[in-house]
Structure formats: C-alpha cells, structure tokens
PDB file of N, CA and C in Angstrom:
ATOM      1  N   MET A   1       0.837  -1.186   0.000  1.00  0.00           N
ATOM      2  CA  MET A   1       0.000   0.000   0.000  1.00  0.00           C
ATOM      3  C   MET A   1       0.881   1.249   0.000  1.00  0.00           C
ATOM      4  N   VAL A   2       0.577   2.168  -0.873  1.00  0.00           N
ATOM      5  CA  VAL A   2       1.308   3.425  -0.959  1.00  0.00           C
ATOM      6  C   VAL A   2       0.802   4.350   0.140  1.00  0.00           C
ATOM      7  N   LEU A   3       1.729   5.003   0.791  1.00  0.00           N
ATOM      8  CA  LEU A   3       1.390   5.929   1.861  1.00  0.00           C
ATOM      9  C   LEU A   3       1.553   7.367   1.384  1.00  0.00           C
ATOM     10  N   ILE A   4       0.894   8.279   2.050  1.00  0.00           N
ATOM     11  CA  ILE A   4       1.013   9.695   1.733  1.00  0.00           C
ATOM     12  C   ILE A   4       2.473  10.110   1.782  1.00  0.00           C
ATOM     13  N   ARG A   5       3.183   9.653   2.804  1.00  0.00           N
ATOM     14  CA  ARG A   5       4.595  10.043   2.948  1.00  0.00           C
ATOM     15  C   ARG A   5       5.437   9.541   1.787  1.00  0.00           C
ATOM     16  N   ASP A   6       5.074   8.394   1.215  1.00  0.00           N
ATOM     17  CA  ASP A   6       5.818   7.869   0.069  1.00  0.00           C
ATOM     18  C   ASP A   6       5.644   8.772  -1.153  1.00  0.00           C
ATOM     19  N   LEU A   7       4.403   9.161  -1.417  1.00  0.00           N
ATOM     20  CA  LEU A   7       4.131  10.039  -2.551  1.00  0.00           C
ATOM     21  C   LEU A   7       4.785  11.409  -2.355  1.00  0.00           C
ATOM     22  N   ALA A   8       4.706  11.916  -1.143  1.00  0.00           N
ATOM     23  CA  ALA A   8       5.315  13.213  -0.846  1.00  0.00           C
ATOM     24  C   ALA A   8       6.831  13.134  -1.020  1.00  0.00           C
ATOM     25  N   GLN A   9       7.452  12.092  -0.506  1.00  0.00           N
ATOM     26  CA  GLN A   9       8.901  11.946  -0.614  1.00  0.00           C
ATOM     27  C   GLN A   9       9.336  11.826  -2.061  1.00  0.00           C
ATOM     28  N   LEU A  10       8.590  11.098  -2.862  1.00  0.00           N
ATOM     29  CA  LEU A  10       8.916  10.952  -4.277  1.00  0.00           C
ATOM     30  C   LEU A  10       8.871  12.310  -4.976  1.00  0.00           C
ATOM     31  N   ALA A  11       7.834  13.070  -4.722  1.00  0.00           N
ATOM     32  CA  ALA A  11       7.711  14.397  -5.335  1.00  0.00           C
ATOM     33  C   ALA A  11       8.828  15.326  -4.854  1.00  0.00           C
ATOM     34  N   LEU A  12       9.154  15.269  -3.579  1.00  0.00           N
ATOM     35  CA  LEU A  12      10.231  16.103  -3.050  1.00  0.00           C
ATOM     36  C   LEU A  12      11.575  15.718  -3.668  1.00  0.00           C
ATOM     37  N   THR A  13      11.808  14.432  -3.831  1.00  0.00           N
ATOM     38  CA  THR A  13      13.058  13.950  -4.417  1.00  0.00           C
ATOM     39  C   THR A  13      13.171  14.353  -5.883  1.00  0.00           C
ATOM     40  N   GLN A  14      12.061  14.207  -6.608  1.00  0.00           N
ATOM     41  CA  GLN A  14      12.061  14.523  -8.032  1.00  0.00           C
ATOM     42  C   GLN A  14      11.891  16.015  -8.299  1.00  0.00           C
ATOM     43  N   GLY A  15      11.365  16.731  -7.323  1.00  0.00           N
ATOM     44  CA  GLY A  15      11.094  18.153  -7.531  1.00  0.00           C
ATOM     45  C   GLY A  15       9.889  18.379  -8.421  1.00  0.00           C
ATOM     46  N   TYR A  16       9.034  17.354  -8.515  1.00  0.00           N
ATOM     47  CA  TYR A  16       7.897  17.424  -9.438  1.00  0.00           C
ATOM     48  C   TYR A  16       6.743  16.582  -8.914  1.00  0.00           C
ATOM     49  N   LEU A  17       5.543  17.147  -8.970  1.00  0.00           N
ATOM     50  CA  LEU A  17       4.337  16.441  -8.543  1.00  0.00           C
ATOM     51  C   LEU A  17       3.424  16.278  -9.748  1.00  0.00           C
ATOM     52  N   THR A  18       3.223  15.032 -10.156  1.00  0.00           N
ATOM     53  CA  THR A  18       2.371  14.773 -11.313  1.00  0.00           C
ATOM     54  C   THR A  18       0.901  14.947 -10.950  1.00  0.00           C
ATOM     55  N   ILE A  19       0.080  15.111 -11.954  1.00  0.00           N
ATOM     56  CA  ILE A  19      -1.366  15.216 -11.739  1.00  0.00           C
ATOM     57  C   ILE A  19      -1.878  13.922 -11.113  1.00  0.00           C
ATOM     58  N   GLU A  20      -1.372  12.805 -11.578  1.00  0.00           N
ATOM     59  CA  GLU A  20      -1.796  11.506 -11.031  1.00  0.00           C
ATOM     60  C   GLU A  20      -1.488  11.412  -9.537  1.00  0.00           C
ATOM     61  N   ALA A  21      -0.271  11.799  -9.146  1.00  0.00           N
ATOM     62  CA  ALA A  21       0.106  11.749  -7.730  1.00  0.00           C
ATOM     63  C   ALA A  21      -0.698  12.756  -6.916  1.00  0.00           C
ATOM     64  N   GLU A  22      -0.952  13.922  -7.493  1.00  0.00           N
ATOM     65  CA  GLU A  22      -1.748  14.931  -6.808  1.00  0.00           C
ATOM     66  C   GLU A  22      -3.164  14.426  -6.547  1.00  0.00           C
ATOM     67  N   ASN A  23      -3.754  13.796  -7.538  1.00  0.00           N
ATOM     68  CA  ASN A  23      -5.096  13.231  -7.368  1.00  0.00           C
ATOM     69  C   ASN A  23      -5.092  12.090  -6.359  1.00  0.00           C
ATOM     70  N   GLN A  24      -4.049  11.272  -6.391  1.00  0.00           N
ATOM     71  CA  GLN A  24      -3.950  10.169  -5.437  1.00  0.00           C
ATOM     72  C   GLN A  24      -3.816  10.723  -4.015  1.00  0.00           C
ATOM     73  N   LEU A  25      -3.012  11.755  -3.826  1.00  0.00           N
ATOM     74  CA  LEU A  25      -2.888  12.379  -2.510  1.00  0.00           C
ATOM     75  C   LEU A  25      -4.229  12.932  -2.042  1.00  0.00           C
ATOM     76  N   ARG A  26      -4.936  13.587  -2.936  1.00  0.00           N
ATOM     77  CA  ARG A  26      -6.243  14.156  -2.593  1.00  0.00           C
ATOM     78  C   ARG A  26      -7.203  13.062  -2.132  1.00  0.00           C
ATOM     79  N   ARG A  27      -7.238  11.957  -2.879  1.00  0.00           N
ATOM     80  CA  ARG A  27      -8.107  10.831  -2.504  1.00  0.00           C
ATOM     81  C   ARG A  27      -7.715  10.261  -1.148  1.00  0.00           C
ATOM     82  N   MET A  28      -6.419  10.080  -0.950  1.00  0.00           N
ATOM     83  CA  MET A  28      -5.941   9.489   0.294  1.00  0.00           C
ATOM     84  C   MET A  28      -6.241  10.395   1.492  1.00  0.00           C
ATOM     85  N   LEU A  29      -6.110  11.681   1.303  1.00  0.00           N
ATOM     86  CA  LEU A  29      -6.365  12.616   2.399  1.00  0.00           C
ATOM     87  C   LEU A  29      -7.840  12.665   2.779  1.00  0.00           C
ATOM     88  N   THR A  30      -8.711  12.381   1.831  1.00  0.00           N
ATOM     89  CA  THR A  30     -10.144  12.471   2.113  1.00  0.00           C
ATOM     90  C   THR A  30     -10.812  11.134   2.417  1.00  0.00           C
ATOM     91  N   THR A  31     -10.140  10.025   2.089  1.00  0.00           N
ATOM     92  CA  THR A  31     -10.821   8.735   2.245  1.00  0.00           C
ATOM     93  C   THR A  31     -10.116   7.756   3.178  1.00  0.00           C
ATOM     94  N   THR A  32      -8.909   8.070   3.595  1.00  0.00           N
ATOM     95  CA  THR A  32      -8.189   7.136   4.456  1.00  0.00           C
ATOM     96  C   THR A  32      -7.740   7.823   5.739  1.00  0.00           C
ATOM     97  N   GLN A  33      -7.479   7.020   6.728  1.00  0.00           N
ATOM     98  CA  GLN A  33      -6.897   7.555   7.951  1.00  0.00           C
ATOM     99  C   GLN A  33      -5.386   7.576   7.768  1.00  0.00           C
ATOM    100  N   TYR A  34      -4.776   8.626   8.246  1.00  0.00           N
ATOM    101  CA  TYR A  34      -3.333   8.744   8.126  1.00  0.00           C
ATOM    102  C   TYR A  34      -2.779   9.240   9.455  1.00  0.00           C
ATOM    103  N   ASP A  35      -1.487   9.007   9.632  1.00  0.00           N
ATOM    104  CA  ASP A  35      -0.874   9.374  10.907  1.00  0.00           C
ATOM    105  C   ASP A  35      -0.127  10.706  10.795  1.00  0.00           C
ATOM    106  N   LEU A  36       0.466  11.107  11.890  1.00  0.00           N
ATOM    107  CA  LEU A  36       1.160  12.388  11.965  1.00  0.00           C
ATOM    108  C   LEU A  36       2.322  12.456  10.982  1.00  0.00           C
ATOM    109  N   GLU A  37       3.012  11.345  10.780  1.00  0.00           N
ATOM    110  CA  GLU A  37       4.137  11.326   9.837  1.00  0.00           C
ATOM    111  C   GLU A  37       3.666  11.610   8.414  1.00  0.00           C
ATOM    112  N   ASP A  38       2.526  11.030   8.029  1.00  0.00           N
ATOM    113  CA  ASP A  38       1.960  11.311   6.714  1.00  0.00           C
ATOM    114  C   ASP A  38       1.543  12.775   6.607  1.00  0.00           C
ATOM    115  N   PHE A  39       0.894  13.277   7.637  1.00  0.00           N
ATOM    116  CA  PHE A  39       0.455  14.672   7.636  1.00  0.00           C
ATOM    117  C   PHE A  39       1.646  15.617   7.512  1.00  0.00           C
ATOM    118  N   ASN A  40       2.692  15.368   8.279  1.00  0.00           N
ATOM    119  CA  ASN A  40       3.881  16.205   8.218  1.00  0.00           C
ATOM    120  C   ASN A  40       4.554  16.140   6.846  1.00  0.00           C
ATOM    121  N   ALA A  41       4.586  14.966   6.249  1.00  0.00           N
ATOM    122  CA  ALA A  41       5.162  14.821   4.914  1.00  0.00           C
ATOM    123  C   ALA A  41       4.349  15.608   3.896  1.00  0.00           C
ATOM    124  N   PHE A  42       3.032  15.553   4.022  1.00  0.00           N
ATOM    125  CA  PHE A  42       2.177  16.306   3.109  1.00  0.00           C
ATOM    126  C   PHE A  42       2.394  17.810   3.286  1.00  0.00           C
ATOM    127  N   MET A  43       2.499  18.263   4.527  1.00  0.00           N
ATOM    128  CA  MET A  43       2.717  19.690   4.779  1.00  0.00           C
ATOM    129  C   MET A  43       4.073  20.142   4.239  1.00  0.00           C
ATOM    130  N   THR A  44       5.083  19.307   4.366  1.00  0.00           N
ATOM    131  CA  THR A  44       6.401  19.616   3.806  1.00  0.00           C
ATOM    132  C   THR A  44       6.312  19.747   2.290  1.00  0.00           C
ATOM    133  N   LEU A  45       5.569  18.849   1.673  1.00  0.00           N
ATOM    134  CA  LEU A  45       5.362  18.914   0.227  1.00  0.00           C
ATOM    135  C   LEU A  45       4.623  20.192  -0.155  1.00  0.00           C
ATOM    136  N   GLN A  46       3.595  20.543   0.603  1.00  0.00           N
ATOM    137  CA  GLN A  46       2.847  21.774   0.327  1.00  0.00           C
ATOM    138  C   GLN A  46       3.757  22.991   0.387  1.00  0.00           C
ATOM    139  N   LEU A  47       4.576  23.067   1.416  1.00  0.00           N
ATOM    140  CA  LEU A  47       5.494  24.200   1.559  1.00  0.00           C
ATOM    141  C   LEU A  47       6.496  24.245   0.405  1.00  0.00           C
ATOM    142  N   ALA A  48       6.993  23.086   0.006  1.00  0.00           N
ATOM    143  CA  ALA A  48       7.934  23.027  -1.113  1.00  0.00           C
ATOM    144  C   ALA A  48       7.270  23.469  -2.412  1.00  0.00           C
ATOM    145  N   ALA A  49       6.022  23.098  -2.623  1.00  0.00           N
ATOM    146  CA  ALA A  49       5.302  23.512  -3.825  1.00  0.00           C
ATOM    147  C   ALA A  49       5.048  25.022  -3.801  1.00  0.00           C
ATOM    148  N   MET A  50       4.689  25.546  -2.652  1.00  0.00           N
ATOM    149  CA  MET A  50       4.419  26.981  -2.536  1.00  0.00           C
ATOM    150  C   MET A  50       5.686  27.813  -2.752  1.00  0.00           C
ATOM    151  N   SER A  51       6.825  27.285  -2.354  1.00  0.00           N
ATOM    152  CA  SER A  51       8.075  28.036  -2.484  1.00  0.00           C
ATOM    153  C   SER A  51       8.773  27.801  -3.823  1.00  0.00           C
ATOM    154  N   GLY A  52       8.220  26.905  -4.640  1.00  0.00           N
ATOM    155  CA  GLY A  52       8.809  26.640  -5.944  1.00  0.00           C
ATOM    156  C   GLY A  52       9.809  25.502  -5.952  1.00  0.00           C
ATOM    157  N   GLY A  53      10.013  24.864  -4.819  1.00  0.00           N
ATOM    158  CA  GLY A  53      10.945  23.743  -4.747  1.00  0.00           C
ATOM    159  C   GLY A  53      10.423  22.486  -5.425  1.00  0.00           C
ATOM    160  N   VAL A  54       9.107  22.395  -5.528  1.00  0.00           N
ATOM    161  CA  VAL A  54       8.455  21.285  -6.239  1.00  0.00           C
ATOM    162  C   VAL A  54       7.490  21.902  -7.245  1.00  0.00           C
ATOM    163  N   LYS A  55       7.657  21.537  -8.498  1.00  0.00           N
ATOM    164  CA  LYS A  55       6.746  22.017  -9.542  1.00  0.00           C
ATOM    165  C   LYS A  55       5.548  21.076  -9.615  1.00  0.00           C
ATOM    166  N   GLN A  56       4.384  21.657  -9.910  1.00  0.00           N
ATOM    167  CA  GLN A  56       3.159  20.869 -10.020  1.00  0.00           C
ATOM    168  C   GLN A  56       2.727  20.807 -11.474  1.00  0.00           C
ATOM    169  N   GLU A  57       2.559  19.597 -11.971  1.00  0.00           N
ATOM    170  CA  GLU A  57       2.125  19.405 -13.348  1.00  0.00           C
ATOM    171  C   GLU A  57       0.797  20.112 -13.597  1.00  0.00           C
ATOM    172  N   SER A  58      -0.109  20.069 -12.635  1.00  0.00           N
ATOM    173  CA  SER A  58      -1.420  20.693 -12.813  1.00  0.00           C
ATOM    174  C   SER A  58      -1.287  22.204 -13.007  1.00  0.00           C
ATOM    175  N   ARG A  59      -0.374  22.837 -12.326  1.00  0.00           N
ATOM    176  CA  ARG A  59      -0.159  24.281 -12.486  1.00  0.00           C
ATOM    177  C   ARG A  59       0.466  24.596 -13.832  1.00  0.00           C
ATOM    178  N   GLU A  60       1.338  23.713 -14.311  1.00  0.00           N
ATOM    179  CA  GLU A  60       1.942  23.919 -15.622  1.00  0.00           C
ATOM    180  C   GLU A  60       0.879  23.887 -16.708  1.00  0.00           C
ATOM    181  N   PHE A  61      -0.073  22.951 -16.614  1.00  0.00           N
ATOM    182  CA  PHE A  61      -1.159  22.893 -17.581  1.00  0.00           C
ATOM    183  C   PHE A  61      -2.017  24.146 -17.513  1.00  0.00           C
ATOM    184  N   LYS A  62      -2.303  24.602 -16.298  1.00  0.00           N
ATOM    185  CA  LYS A  62      -3.118  25.803 -16.116  1.00  0.00           C
ATOM    186  C   LYS A  62      -2.421  27.011 -16.735  1.00  0.00           C
ATOM    187  N   GLU A  63      -1.110  27.131 -16.530  1.00  0.00           N
ATOM    188  CA  GLU A  63      -0.356  28.239 -17.102  1.00  0.00           C
ATOM    189  C   GLU A  63      -0.370  28.173 -18.619  1.00  0.00           C
ATOM    190  N   LEU A  64      -0.269  26.977 -19.178  1.00  0.00           N
ATOM    191  CA  LEU A  64      -0.330  26.826 -20.630  1.00  0.00           C
ATOM    192  C   LEU A  64      -1.692  27.241 -21.171  1.00  0.00           C
ATOM    193  N   GLU A  65      -2.748  26.877 -20.457  1.00  0.00           N
ATOM    194  CA  GLU A  65      -4.094  27.261 -20.877  1.00  0.00           C
ATOM    195  C   GLU A  65      -4.245  28.773 -20.865  1.00  0.00           C
ATOM    196  N   ILE A  66      -3.769  29.403 -19.806  1.00  0.00           N
ATOM    197  CA  ILE A  66      -3.867  30.856 -19.702  1.00  0.00           C
ATOM    198  C   ILE A  66      -3.039  31.506 -20.808  1.00  0.00           C
ATOM    199  N   PHE A  67      -1.833  31.019 -21.013  1.00  0.00           N
ATOM    200  CA  PHE A  67      -0.975  31.565 -22.059  1.00  0.00           C
ATOM    201  C   PHE A  67      -1.614  31.371 -23.428  1.00  0.00           C
ATOM    202  N   GLY A  68      -2.181  30.194 -23.664  1.00  0.00           N
ATOM    203  CA  GLY A  68      -2.828  29.905 -24.943  1.00  0.00           C
ATOM    204  C   GLY A  68      -3.998  30.833 -25.199  1.00  0.00           C
ATOM    205  N   GLU A  69      -4.796  31.108 -24.158  1.00  0.00           N
ATOM    206  CA  GLU A  69      -5.924  32.020 -24.303  1.00  0.00           C
ATOM    207  C   GLU A  69      -5.435  33.427 -24.577  1.00  0.00           C
ATOM    208  N   THR A  70      -4.384  33.835 -23.877  1.00  0.00           N
ATOM    209  CA  THR A  70      -3.839  35.173 -24.063  1.00  0.00           C
ATOM    210  C   THR A  70      -3.258  35.328 -25.457  1.00  0.00           C
ATOM    211  N   ALA A  71      -2.514  34.305 -25.876  1.00  0.00           N
ATOM    212  CA  ALA A  71      -1.877  34.370 -27.187  1.00  0.00           C
ATOM    213  C   ALA A  71      -2.930  34.409 -28.295  1.00  0.00           C
ATOM    214  N   SER A  72      -3.960  33.594 -28.181  1.00  0.00           N
ATOM    215  CA  SER A  72      -4.979  33.586 -29.223  1.00  0.00           C
ATOM    216  C   SER A  72      -5.819  34.854 -29.173  1.00  0.00           C
ATOM    217  N   GLY A  73      -5.971  35.420 -27.980  1.00  0.00           N
ATOM    218  CA  GLY A  73      -6.739  36.655 -27.841  1.00  0.00           C
ATOM    219  C   GLY A  73      -6.009  37.850 -28.429  1.00  0.00           C
ATOM    220  N   THR A  74      -4.691  37.849 -28.413  1.00  0.00           N
ATOM    221  CA  THR A  74      -3.936  38.977 -28.931  1.00  0.00           C
ATOM    222  C   THR A  74      -3.643  38.849 -30.410  1.00  0.00           C
ATOM    223  N   SER A  75      -3.837  37.678 -30.979  1.00  0.00           N
ATOM    224  CA  SER A  75      -3.509  37.499 -32.389  1.00  0.00           C
ATOM    225  C   SER A  75      -4.658  37.897 -33.305  1.00  0.00           C
ATOM    226  N   HIS A  76      -5.837  38.190 -32.751  1.00  0.00           N
ATOM    227  CA  HIS A  76      -6.982  38.554 -33.589  1.00  0.00           C
ATOM    228  C   HIS A  76      -7.145  40.027 -33.671  1.00  0.00           C
TER     229      HIS A  76
END
C-alpha cells in the first residue's frame, strides 16, 4: 500500500508532482486515515510547492491554458 509520505517523498526527491500523484494524494487525504508522519510529509510537500521547490504538473497545464488564451486573444 502506498502511503502519503511515500508520494510526498517521491515528489520532493524529483522536484515534481504529477497530476496523477496529486489526485492520489487528494483521494488518500479524504478517504483514508493517516498518521502524523503522513500529515507532516504532506505539509512539507505543500510548503515546497508553494516556495517553488516542487513544480506541479497541474499548475503547468493551467499556465499553458492561460498563455494559450492570451496568445490567441492577442492574435486577432
């Protein structure tokens, strides 16, 4: 069984959080019981994402969408 701390550690090590891992973390946080170590690992991951130490795939897609809308809006 994959634990929250495992997913958080992988993202911290890679410096990248995939959409799949983000969704899995969301599911785990809302549907399973977790301990303090998992919670602390998740909070560490959150802080790293907020400070730019871990990039989020979901944010990259959002930025591309915004850029695409802006680019297409200015070309007309």
